[in-house]
Amino acid sequence: MAKRRQLQPFADPPAPPPPSRPTGLMPREVPRTPLGDGGALPDYTPSSIGQLPSPWTSDVNSPSRFAHLSPGMLGIHQRGRCSITITVVRVELPADLPGRLPRLSCFFTLPSLRKEVRLTAPTKPQYTVLYTDPQVVFEVHSLRDLGQVCREPLTLFFMDEDTTSSAEELFALAICEWSVALERRGVTIPFRLPLLGRDRTVILGATVVVEVRADDSGTTGPATASTTVVENTLPVLDYSRSPPSPTAPQGQGDTSMSVPGLNRENATRTIEEELMRLEFERMSR
């Protein structure tokens, strides 16, 4: 008689071995979201990866290329013009200035407006230089000129009129970032700027006080004998506007007049002026 084989119970399965530490770097898996299942794609916009947003698509509360200008300054296309007044109040030199005391004249330029200004030096050297009638008014007639003026700092050059060497004619210069003055129209903003020598190092104790005022309506300043405003002799690109299109004959409908921003008045504006106009309308809502 055959023996019946007795079934033995199964033992517990052995525990899995502990995971071994990888010897190399594993490839990083990128989560994928299939299109069409309603999932949101990852955000790879420039602002999400640490880059600045595009200046052409900016929100009202985000920084833009025209955010430093007040709405009144952006609206000069409705008022006709604006004005920027620059006043060189005084130059202060230290009593322990090394070398001889210079007789300083002042020179600065606004290339975007094609203007140069020269303030005549006093008759004798002075530690505190006060220019006669140092106030100069610049009229800005277009948004394009205003945008170019705002991009460049105001640089003042001080020349020693008693020197005989052309290499030593430049005594010092000062650089003014005047965007804060263009923010607050109708308010005179004073600046105390250090003087930089020919080697671009600060001259200890030497400063210049400058006042800048921006207004949204043009003003005319009196002509002075000590202040000379001349046309810029440097080569400047001609950005003159194209002549306006002829008037349509009567009896024909003017379709461009019914579309905002496409009328004949705006047809001669540059792209930059149109962007500043749209920014102003957005900020005034």
C-alpha atoms as a PDB file:
ATOM      1  CA  MET A   1       0.000   0.000   0.000  1.00  0.00           C
ATOM      2  CA  ALA A   2       1.449   3.285  -1.103  1.00  0.00           C
ATOM      3  CA  LYS A   3       2.181   5.782   1.561  1.00  0.00           C
ATOM      4  CA  ARG A   4       0.212   9.005   1.378  1.00  0.00           C
ATOM      5  CA  ARG A   5       2.483  11.952   1.085  1.00  0.00           C
ATOM      6  CA  GLN A   6       1.856  14.413   3.876  1.00  0.00           C
ATOM      7  CA  LEU A   7       1.692  18.055   2.728  1.00  0.00           C
ATOM      8  CA  GLN A   8       3.884  20.369   4.693  1.00  0.00           C
ATOM      9  CA  PRO A   9       2.710  23.999   5.322  1.00  0.00           C
ATOM     10  CA  PHE A  10       4.555  26.660   3.339  1.00  0.00           C
ATOM     11  CA  ALA A  11       7.048  28.708   5.241  1.00  0.00           C
ATOM     12  CA  ASP A  12       6.886  32.506   5.287  1.00  0.00           C
ATOM     13  CA  PRO A  13       8.504  34.091   2.241  1.00  0.00           C
ATOM     14  CA  PRO A  14      11.941  35.492   2.895  1.00  0.00           C
ATOM     15  CA  ALA A  15      12.205  39.217   3.534  1.00  0.00           C
ATOM     16  CA  PRO A  16      13.411  41.237   0.555  1.00  0.00           C
ATOM     17  CA  PRO A  17      17.024  42.334   0.722  1.00  0.00           C
ATOM     18  CA  PRO A  18      17.653  45.943   1.824  1.00  0.00           C
ATOM     19  CA  PRO A  19      17.947  48.344  -1.059  1.00  0.00           C
ATOM     20  CA  SER A  20      21.494  48.944  -2.044  1.00  0.00           C
ATOM     21  CA  ARG A  21      22.808  52.483  -2.324  1.00  0.00           C
ATOM     22  CA  PRO A  22      23.128  53.508  -5.954  1.00  0.00           C
ATOM     23  CA  THR A  23      26.653  54.024  -7.093  1.00  0.00           C
ATOM     24  CA  GLY A  24      25.805  56.614  -9.734  1.00  0.00           C
ATOM     25  CA  LEU A  25      23.342  59.417 -10.291  1.00  0.00           C
ATOM     26  CA  MET A  26      19.929  58.287 -11.427  1.00  0.00           C
ATOM     27  CA  PRO A  27      18.286  60.149 -14.294  1.00  0.00           C
ATOM     28  CA  ARG A  28      15.769  62.675 -13.050  1.00  0.00           C
ATOM     29  CA  GLU A  29      12.231  61.936 -14.134  1.00  0.00           C
ATOM     30  CA  VAL A  30      10.244  64.875 -15.442  1.00  0.00           C
ATOM     31  CA  PRO A  31       6.519  64.637 -14.673  1.00  0.00           C
ATOM     32  CA  ARG A  32       4.507  64.686 -17.811  1.00  0.00           C
ATOM     33  CA  THR A  33       0.965  65.842 -18.205  1.00  0.00           C
ATOM     34  CA  PRO A  34      -0.764  64.375 -21.222  1.00  0.00           C
ATOM     35  CA  LEU A  35      -2.516  66.907 -23.379  1.00  0.00           C
ATOM     36  CA  GLY A  36      -6.273  66.743 -23.430  1.00  0.00           C
ATOM     37  CA  ASP A  37      -6.845  65.326 -19.923  1.00  0.00           C
ATOM     38  CA  GLY A  38      -7.577  68.714 -18.373  1.00  0.00           C
ATOM     39  CA  GLY A  39      -4.279  68.907 -16.480  1.00  0.00           C
ATOM     40  CA  ALA A  40      -2.351  72.141 -16.249  1.00  0.00           C
ATOM     41  CA  LEU A  41       0.969  72.419 -18.013  1.00  0.00           C
ATOM     42  CA  PRO A  42       3.967  73.522 -15.932  1.00  0.00           C
ATOM     43  CA  ASP A  43       4.584  77.264 -15.894  1.00  0.00           C
ATOM     44  CA  TYR A  44       7.738  78.136 -17.810  1.00  0.00           C
ATOM     45  CA  THR A  45       7.043  81.845 -18.230  1.00  0.00           C
ATOM     46  CA  PRO A  46      10.066  84.171 -17.934  1.00  0.00           C
ATOM     47  CA  SER A  47       8.887  85.481 -14.554  1.00  0.00           C
ATOM     48  CA  SER A  48       8.718  81.946 -13.136  1.00  0.00           C
ATOM     49  CA  ILE A  49      12.349  81.157 -13.938  1.00  0.00           C
ATOM     50  CA  GLY A  50      13.804  84.317 -12.444  1.00  0.00           C
ATOM     51  CA  GLN A  51      13.960  86.518 -15.523  1.00  0.00           C
ATOM     52  CA  LEU A  52      12.468  89.943 -15.886  1.00  0.00           C
ATOM     53  CA  PRO A  53       9.125  90.185 -17.658  1.00  0.00           C
ATOM     54  CA  SER A  54       9.023  91.525 -21.154  1.00  0.00           C
ATOM     55  CA  PRO A  55       8.785  95.335 -21.281  1.00  0.00           C
ATOM     56  CA  TRP A  56       6.280  95.067 -24.115  1.00  0.00           C
ATOM     57  CA  THR A  57       3.702  93.155 -22.035  1.00  0.00           C
ATOM     58  CA  SER A  58       3.514  94.677 -18.555  1.00  0.00           C
ATOM     59  CA  ASP A  59       0.773  94.978 -15.990  1.00  0.00           C
ATOM     60  CA  VAL A  60      -0.177  98.190 -14.198  1.00  0.00           C
ATOM     61  CA  ASN A  61       1.343  97.055 -10.904  1.00  0.00           C
ATOM     62  CA  SER A  62       4.460  95.518 -12.439  1.00  0.00           C
ATOM     63  CA  PRO A  63       7.553  97.523 -13.377  1.00  0.00           C
ATOM     64  CA  SER A  64       7.587  98.702 -16.956  1.00  0.00           C
ATOM     65  CA  ARG A  65       9.778 100.889 -19.034  1.00  0.00           C
ATOM     66  CA  PHE A  66       7.480 103.896 -18.516  1.00  0.00           C
ATOM     67  CA  ALA A  67       6.440 103.299 -14.888  1.00  0.00           C
ATOM     68  CA  HIS A  68       8.854 105.941 -13.578  1.00  0.00           C
ATOM     69  CA  LEU A  69       6.930 108.664 -15.408  1.00  0.00           C
ATOM     70  CA  SER A  70       3.871 110.273 -13.896  1.00  0.00           C
ATOM     71  CA  PRO A  71       0.568 110.089 -15.814  1.00  0.00           C
ATOM     72  CA  GLY A  72       0.743 113.837 -16.352  1.00  0.00           C
ATOM     73  CA  MET A  73       4.069 113.503 -18.137  1.00  0.00           C
ATOM     74  CA  LEU A  74       2.772 110.623 -20.248  1.00  0.00           C
ATOM     75  CA  GLY A  75      -0.209 112.725 -21.289  1.00  0.00           C
ATOM     76  CA  ILE A  76       1.752 115.408 -23.105  1.00  0.00           C
ATOM     77  CA  HIS A  77       0.273 114.235 -26.399  1.00  0.00           C
ATOM     78  CA  GLN A  78      -3.000 115.699 -25.121  1.00  0.00           C
ATOM     79  CA  ARG A  79      -1.473 118.967 -23.779  1.00  0.00           C
ATOM     80  CA  GLY A  80       1.011 119.569 -26.577  1.00  0.00           C
ATOM     81  CA  ARG A  81       4.321 119.705 -24.677  1.00  0.00           C
ATOM     82  CA  CYS A  82       6.098 119.547 -21.319  1.00  0.00           C
ATOM     83  CA  SER A  83       9.165 121.279 -19.919  1.00  0.00           C
ATOM     84  CA  ILE A  84      12.216 120.265 -17.890  1.00  0.00           C
ATOM     85  CA  THR A  85      14.025 122.960 -15.892  1.00  0.00           C
ATOM     86  CA  ILE A  86      17.660 122.400 -14.854  1.00  0.00           C
ATOM     87  CA  THR A  87      19.339 124.766 -12.389  1.00  0.00           C
ATOM     88  CA  VAL A  88      23.028 124.489 -11.452  1.00  0.00           C
ATOM     89  CA  VAL A  89      22.776 126.171  -8.055  1.00  0.00           C
ATOM     90  CA  ARG A  90      26.401 126.190  -6.905  1.00  0.00           C
ATOM     91  CA  VAL A  91      29.697 124.313  -6.911  1.00  0.00           C
ATOM     92  CA  GLU A  92      31.482 123.858  -3.580  1.00  0.00           C
ATOM     93  CA  LEU A  93      35.217 123.141  -3.449  1.00  0.00           C
ATOM     94  CA  PRO A  94      37.098 122.182  -0.245  1.00  0.00           C
ATOM     95  CA  ALA A  95      39.530 124.596   1.352  1.00  0.00           C
ATOM     96  CA  ASP A  96      42.286 121.963   1.295  1.00  0.00           C
ATOM     97  CA  LEU A  97      41.939 121.307  -2.436  1.00  0.00           C
ATOM     98  CA  PRO A  98      45.342 120.141  -3.722  1.00  0.00           C
ATOM     99  CA  GLY A  99      46.926 122.295  -6.389  1.00  0.00           C
ATOM    100  CA  ARG A 100      45.770 125.708  -7.500  1.00  0.00           C
ATOM    101  CA  LEU A 101      42.157 126.833  -7.337  1.00  0.00           C
ATOM    102  CA  PRO A 102      40.440 126.429 -10.736  1.00  0.00           C
ATOM    103  CA  ARG A 103      38.092 128.879 -12.437  1.00  0.00           C
ATOM    104  CA  LEU A 104      35.266 126.569 -13.401  1.00  0.00           C
ATOM    105  CA  SER A 105      32.767 126.792 -16.211  1.00  0.00           C
ATOM    106  CA  CYS A 106      29.960 124.248 -16.588  1.00  0.00           C
ATOM    107  CA  PHE A 107      28.903 122.327 -19.671  1.00  0.00           C
ATOM    108  CA  PHE A 108      26.167 119.729 -20.162  1.00  0.00           C
ATOM    109  CA  THR A 109      24.189 118.394 -23.076  1.00  0.00           C
ATOM    110  CA  LEU A 110      20.930 116.590 -23.831  1.00  0.00           C
ATOM    111  CA  PRO A 111      21.614 114.617 -27.017  1.00  0.00           C
ATOM    112  CA  SER A 112      18.005 113.496 -27.426  1.00  0.00           C
ATOM    113  CA  LEU A 113      16.909 117.157 -27.613  1.00  0.00           C
ATOM    114  CA  ARG A 114      20.008 118.196 -29.614  1.00  0.00           C
ATOM    115  CA  LYS A 115      20.870 120.871 -27.054  1.00  0.00           C
ATOM    116  CA  GLU A 116      24.125 121.967 -25.416  1.00  0.00           C
ATOM    117  CA  VAL A 117      24.420 124.350 -22.459  1.00  0.00           C
ATOM    118  CA  ARG A 118      27.499 126.299 -21.362  1.00  0.00           C
ATOM    119  CA  LEU A 119      27.572 128.294 -18.126  1.00  0.00           C
ATOM    120  CA  THR A 120      30.226 131.012 -18.161  1.00  0.00           C
ATOM    121  CA  ALA A 121      32.959 130.784 -15.524  1.00  0.00           C
ATOM    122  CA  PRO A 122      33.278 133.592 -12.935  1.00  0.00           C
ATOM    123  CA  THR A 123      35.876 136.286 -13.448  1.00  0.00           C
ATOM    124  CA  LYS A 124      38.164 134.856 -10.757  1.00  0.00           C
ATOM    125  CA  PRO A 125      38.635 131.462  -9.043  1.00  0.00           C
ATOM    126  CA  GLN A 126      36.255 130.777  -6.174  1.00  0.00           C
ATOM    127  CA  TYR A 127      35.740 128.014  -3.637  1.00  0.00           C
ATOM    128  CA  THR A 128      31.963 128.466  -3.944  1.00  0.00           C
ATOM    129  CA  VAL A 129      31.029 128.997  -7.580  1.00  0.00           C
ATOM    130  CA  LEU A 130      27.698 130.749  -8.196  1.00  0.00           C
ATOM    131  CA  TYR A 131      26.737 130.999 -11.837  1.00  0.00           C
ATOM    132  CA  THR A 132      24.782 134.009 -13.054  1.00  0.00           C
ATOM    133  CA  ASP A 133      21.240 133.018 -14.095  1.00  0.00           C
ATOM    134  CA  PRO A 134      22.031 129.288 -14.172  1.00  0.00           C
ATOM    135  CA  GLN A 135      18.462 128.147 -14.887  1.00  0.00           C
ATOM    136  CA  VAL A 136      17.778 126.566 -18.282  1.00  0.00           C
ATOM    137  CA  VAL A 137      14.370 125.397 -19.532  1.00  0.00           C
ATOM    138  CA  PHE A 138      14.061 122.627 -22.107  1.00  0.00           C
ATOM    139  CA  GLU A 139      10.790 122.075 -23.911  1.00  0.00           C
ATOM    140  CA  VAL A 140       9.822 118.519 -24.862  1.00  0.00           C
ATOM    141  CA  HIS A 141       7.332 118.369 -27.711  1.00  0.00           C
ATOM    142  CA  SER A 142       6.830 114.613 -28.171  1.00  0.00           C
ATOM    143  CA  LEU A 143       6.653 111.405 -26.171  1.00  0.00           C
ATOM    144  CA  ARG A 144       9.565 110.020 -28.149  1.00  0.00           C
ATOM    145  CA  ASP A 145      11.853 112.836 -26.968  1.00  0.00           C
ATOM    146  CA  LEU A 146      10.607 112.443 -23.392  1.00  0.00           C
ATOM    147  CA  GLY A 147      11.342 108.706 -23.419  1.00  0.00           C
ATOM    148  CA  GLN A 148      14.876 109.299 -24.704  1.00  0.00           C
ATOM    149  CA  VAL A 149      15.566 112.019 -22.123  1.00  0.00           C
ATOM    150  CA  CYS A 150      14.470 109.709 -19.295  1.00  0.00           C
ATOM    151  CA  ARG A 151      16.859 106.935 -20.334  1.00  0.00           C
ATOM    152  CA  GLU A 152      20.056 108.954 -20.130  1.00  0.00           C
ATOM    153  CA  PRO A 153      21.526 110.439 -16.925  1.00  0.00           C
ATOM    154  CA  LEU A 154      22.403 114.112 -16.686  1.00  0.00           C
ATOM    155  CA  THR A 155      26.182 114.517 -16.883  1.00  0.00           C
ATOM    156  CA  LEU A 156      27.769 117.870 -16.000  1.00  0.00           C
ATOM    157  CA  PHE A 157      31.342 118.716 -17.020  1.00  0.00           C
ATOM    158  CA  PHE A 158      33.362 121.396 -15.215  1.00  0.00           C
ATOM    159  CA  MET A 159      36.207 122.958 -17.187  1.00  0.00           C
ATOM    160  CA  ASP A 160      39.153 124.946 -15.827  1.00  0.00           C
ATOM    161  CA  GLU A 161      39.275 128.104 -17.932  1.00  0.00           C
ATOM    162  CA  ASP A 162      42.717 129.152 -16.636  1.00  0.00           C
ATOM    163  CA  THR A 163      44.587 126.060 -17.753  1.00  0.00           C
ATOM    164  CA  THR A 164      46.820 126.183 -20.797  1.00  0.00           C
ATOM    165  CA  SER A 165      46.870 122.444 -21.476  1.00  0.00           C
ATOM    166  CA  SER A 166      43.968 120.853 -23.294  1.00  0.00           C
ATOM    167  CA  ALA A 167      44.627 117.580 -21.455  1.00  0.00           C
ATOM    168  CA  GLU A 168      43.998 119.304 -18.113  1.00  0.00           C
ATOM    169  CA  GLU A 169      41.043 121.412 -19.256  1.00  0.00           C
ATOM    170  CA  LEU A 170      38.498 118.986 -17.763  1.00  0.00           C
ATOM    171  CA  PHE A 171      38.643 119.465 -14.003  1.00  0.00           C
ATOM    172  CA  ALA A 172      35.731 117.283 -12.835  1.00  0.00           C
ATOM    173  CA  LEU A 173      32.367 115.840 -13.777  1.00  0.00           C
ATOM    174  CA  ALA A 174      29.152 114.873 -11.973  1.00  0.00           C
ATOM    175  CA  ILE A 175      26.462 112.350 -12.911  1.00  0.00           C
ATOM    176  CA  CYS A 176      22.833 112.828 -11.870  1.00  0.00           C
ATOM    177  CA  GLU A 177      20.178 110.094 -12.054  1.00  0.00           C
ATOM    178  CA  TRP A 178      17.171 112.377 -12.371  1.00  0.00           C
ATOM    179  CA  SER A 179      14.326 109.884 -12.865  1.00  0.00           C
ATOM    180  CA  VAL A 180      12.894 110.790  -9.428  1.00  0.00           C
ATOM    181  CA  ALA A 181      12.406 114.358 -10.651  1.00  0.00           C
ATOM    182  CA  LEU A 182      10.451 113.131 -13.657  1.00  0.00           C
ATOM    183  CA  GLU A 183       8.219 111.091 -11.333  1.00  0.00           C
ATOM    184  CA  ARG A 184       7.034 114.109  -9.330  1.00  0.00           C
ATOM    185  CA  ARG A 185       5.942 116.722 -11.807  1.00  0.00           C
ATOM    186  CA  GLY A 186       5.605 120.268 -10.579  1.00  0.00           C
ATOM    187  CA  VAL A 187       8.056 119.679  -7.691  1.00  0.00           C
ATOM    188  CA  THR A 188      11.621 120.989  -7.654  1.00  0.00           C
ATOM    189  CA  ILE A 189      13.968 118.156  -6.662  1.00  0.00           C
ATOM    190  CA  PRO A 190      17.461 119.161  -5.395  1.00  0.00           C
ATOM    191  CA  PHE A 191      20.497 116.914  -5.912  1.00  0.00           C
ATOM    192  CA  ARG A 192      23.876 117.181  -4.156  1.00  0.00           C
ATOM    193  CA  LEU A 193      26.350 115.326  -6.352  1.00  0.00           C
ATOM    194  CA  PRO A 194      30.013 114.511  -5.680  1.00  0.00           C
ATOM    195  CA  LEU A 195      32.576 115.718  -8.184  1.00  0.00           C
ATOM    196  CA  LEU A 196      34.675 113.088  -9.937  1.00  0.00           C
ATOM    197  CA  GLY A 197      38.186 113.907 -11.108  1.00  0.00           C
ATOM    198  CA  ARG A 198      39.750 113.050 -14.459  1.00  0.00           C
ATOM    199  CA  ASP A 199      40.680 109.628 -13.090  1.00  0.00           C
ATOM    200  CA  ARG A 200      37.004 109.020 -12.114  1.00  0.00           C
ATOM    201  CA  THR A 201      37.767 109.151  -8.376  1.00  0.00           C
ATOM    202  CA  VAL A 202      35.793 111.294  -5.941  1.00  0.00           C
ATOM    203  CA  ILE A 203      37.302 114.661  -5.066  1.00  0.00           C
ATOM    204  CA  LEU A 204      36.863 114.784  -1.285  1.00  0.00           C
ATOM    205  CA  GLY A 205      34.681 117.679  -0.177  1.00  0.00           C
ATOM    206  CA  ALA A 206      33.824 118.828  -3.731  1.00  0.00           C
ATOM    207  CA  THR A 207      30.110 118.824  -4.586  1.00  0.00           C
ATOM    208  CA  VAL A 208      27.626 120.465  -6.930  1.00  0.00           C
ATOM    209  CA  VAL A 209      23.990 121.266  -6.121  1.00  0.00           C
ATOM    210  CA  VAL A 210      21.559 120.804  -9.012  1.00  0.00           C
ATOM    211  CA  GLU A 211      17.790 121.332  -9.057  1.00  0.00           C
ATOM    212  CA  VAL A 212      15.505 119.615 -11.580  1.00  0.00           C
ATOM    213  CA  ARG A 213      11.834 120.340 -12.138  1.00  0.00           C
ATOM    214  CA  ALA A 214       9.466 118.698 -14.622  1.00  0.00           C
ATOM    215  CA  ASP A 215       6.152 120.264 -15.646  1.00  0.00           C
ATOM    216  CA  ASP A 216       3.475 118.903 -17.923  1.00  0.00           C
ATOM    217  CA  SER A 217       2.896 122.302 -19.554  1.00  0.00           C
ATOM    218  CA  GLY A 218       5.600 124.130 -21.452  1.00  0.00           C
ATOM    219  CA  THR A 219       7.136 127.290 -20.030  1.00  0.00           C
ATOM    220  CA  THR A 220       9.496 129.748 -21.582  1.00  0.00           C
ATOM    221  CA  GLY A 221      12.508 130.951 -19.633  1.00  0.00           C
ATOM    222  CA  PRO A 222      14.219 134.328 -20.098  1.00  0.00           C
ATOM    223  CA  ALA A 223      17.265 134.439 -22.311  1.00  0.00           C
ATOM    224  CA  THR A 224      20.442 135.002 -20.308  1.00  0.00           C
ATOM    225  CA  ALA A 225      23.842 136.318 -21.299  1.00  0.00           C
ATOM    226  CA  SER A 226      25.830 133.788 -19.260  1.00  0.00           C
ATOM    227  CA  THR A 227      23.866 130.765 -20.473  1.00  0.00           C
ATOM    228  CA  THR A 228      24.385 129.645 -24.034  1.00  0.00           C
ATOM    229  CA  VAL A 229      22.081 127.039 -25.538  1.00  0.00           C
ATOM    230  CA  VAL A 230      23.257 125.818 -28.916  1.00  0.00           C
ATOM    231  CA  GLU A 231      22.289 123.036 -31.247  1.00  0.00           C
ATOM    232  CA  ASN A 232      24.154 119.793 -30.746  1.00  0.00           C
ATOM    233  CA  THR A 233      26.963 119.553 -33.278  1.00  0.00           C
ATOM    234  CA  LEU A 234      27.367 115.812 -32.799  1.00  0.00           C
ATOM    235  CA  PRO A 235      25.845 113.578 -35.503  1.00  0.00           C
ATOM    236  CA  VAL A 236      22.325 112.756 -34.395  1.00  0.00           C
ATOM    237  CA  LEU A 237      19.893 110.555 -36.268  1.00  0.00           C
ATOM    238  CA  ASP A 238      16.974 112.424 -37.773  1.00  0.00           C
ATOM    239  CA  TYR A 239      13.760 111.210 -36.183  1.00  0.00           C
ATOM    240  CA  SER A 240      11.547 113.828 -37.803  1.00  0.00           C
ATOM    241  CA  ARG A 241       7.995 112.783 -38.325  1.00  0.00           C
ATOM    242  CA  SER A 242       6.614 112.001 -41.742  1.00  0.00           C
ATOM    243  CA  PRO A 243       4.155 114.544 -43.192  1.00  0.00           C
ATOM    244  CA  PRO A 244       0.486 113.886 -42.427  1.00  0.00           C
ATOM    245  CA  SER A 245      -1.589 112.085 -44.999  1.00  0.00           C
ATOM    246  CA  PRO A 246      -3.825 114.246 -47.212  1.00  0.00           C
ATOM    247  CA  THR A 247      -7.425 114.756 -46.192  1.00  0.00           C
ATOM    248  CA  ALA A 248      -9.875 112.320 -47.711  1.00  0.00           C
ATOM    249  CA  PRO A 249     -12.315 113.839 -50.221  1.00  0.00           C
ATOM    250  CA  GLN A 250     -15.783 114.625 -49.037  1.00  0.00           C
ATOM    251  CA  GLY A 251     -18.378 111.959 -49.543  1.00  0.00           C
ATOM    252  CA  GLN A 252     -16.025 109.068 -48.749  1.00  0.00           C
ATOM    253  CA  GLY A 253     -16.213 107.363 -45.383  1.00  0.00           C
ATOM    254  CA  ASP A 254     -13.120 107.463 -43.198  1.00  0.00           C
ATOM    255  CA  THR A 255     -12.923 104.054 -41.602  1.00  0.00           C
ATOM    256  CA  SER A 256      -9.734 104.804 -39.634  1.00  0.00           C
ATOM    257  CA  MET A 257     -11.437 107.527 -37.603  1.00  0.00           C
ATOM    258  CA  SER A 258     -13.855 105.038 -36.073  1.00  0.00           C
ATOM    259  CA  VAL A 259     -11.097 102.807 -34.678  1.00  0.00           C
ATOM    260  CA  PRO A 260      -9.322 104.130 -31.527  1.00  0.00           C
ATOM    261  CA  GLY A 261      -5.593 104.618 -32.022  1.00  0.00           C
ATOM    262  CA  LEU A 262      -5.734 104.396 -35.820  1.00  0.00           C
ATOM    263  CA  ASN A 263      -6.750 107.922 -36.785  1.00  0.00           C
ATOM    264  CA  ARG A 264      -4.592 110.277 -38.786  1.00  0.00           C
ATOM    265  CA  GLU A 265      -3.366 112.053 -35.633  1.00  0.00           C
ATOM    266  CA  ASN A 266      -1.825 108.813 -34.351  1.00  0.00           C
ATOM    267  CA  ALA A 267      -0.690 107.599 -37.761  1.00  0.00           C
ATOM    268  CA  THR A 268       2.511 109.660 -37.586  1.00  0.00           C
ATOM    269  CA  ARG A 269       3.484 108.443 -34.114  1.00  0.00           C
ATOM    270  CA  THR A 270       6.298 106.019 -33.649  1.00  0.00           C
ATOM    271  CA  ILE A 271       5.860 102.650 -31.985  1.00  0.00           C
ATOM    272  CA  GLU A 272       7.449 103.992 -28.800  1.00  0.00           C
ATOM    273  CA  GLU A 273       5.045 106.931 -28.596  1.00  0.00           C
ATOM    274  CA  GLU A 274       2.069 104.639 -29.112  1.00  0.00           C
ATOM    275  CA  LEU A 275       3.285 102.333 -26.311  1.00  0.00           C
ATOM    276  CA  MET A 276       3.640 105.282 -23.928  1.00  0.00           C
ATOM    277  CA  ARG A 277       0.152 106.495 -24.856  1.00  0.00           C
ATOM    278  CA  LEU A 278      -1.348 103.067 -24.153  1.00  0.00           C
ATOM    279  CA  GLU A 279       0.539 102.887 -20.831  1.00  0.00           C
ATOM    280  CA  PHE A 280      -0.877 106.275 -19.833  1.00  0.00           C
ATOM    281  CA  GLU A 281      -4.435 105.218 -20.671  1.00  0.00           C
ATOM    282  CA  ARG A 282      -3.968 102.013 -18.658  1.00  0.00           C
ATOM    283  CA  MET A 283      -2.648 103.876 -15.593  1.00  0.00           C
ATOM    284  CA  SER A 284      -5.486 106.448 -15.716  1.00  0.00           C
ATOM    285  CA  ARG A 285      -8.265 103.840 -15.526  1.00  0.00           C
END
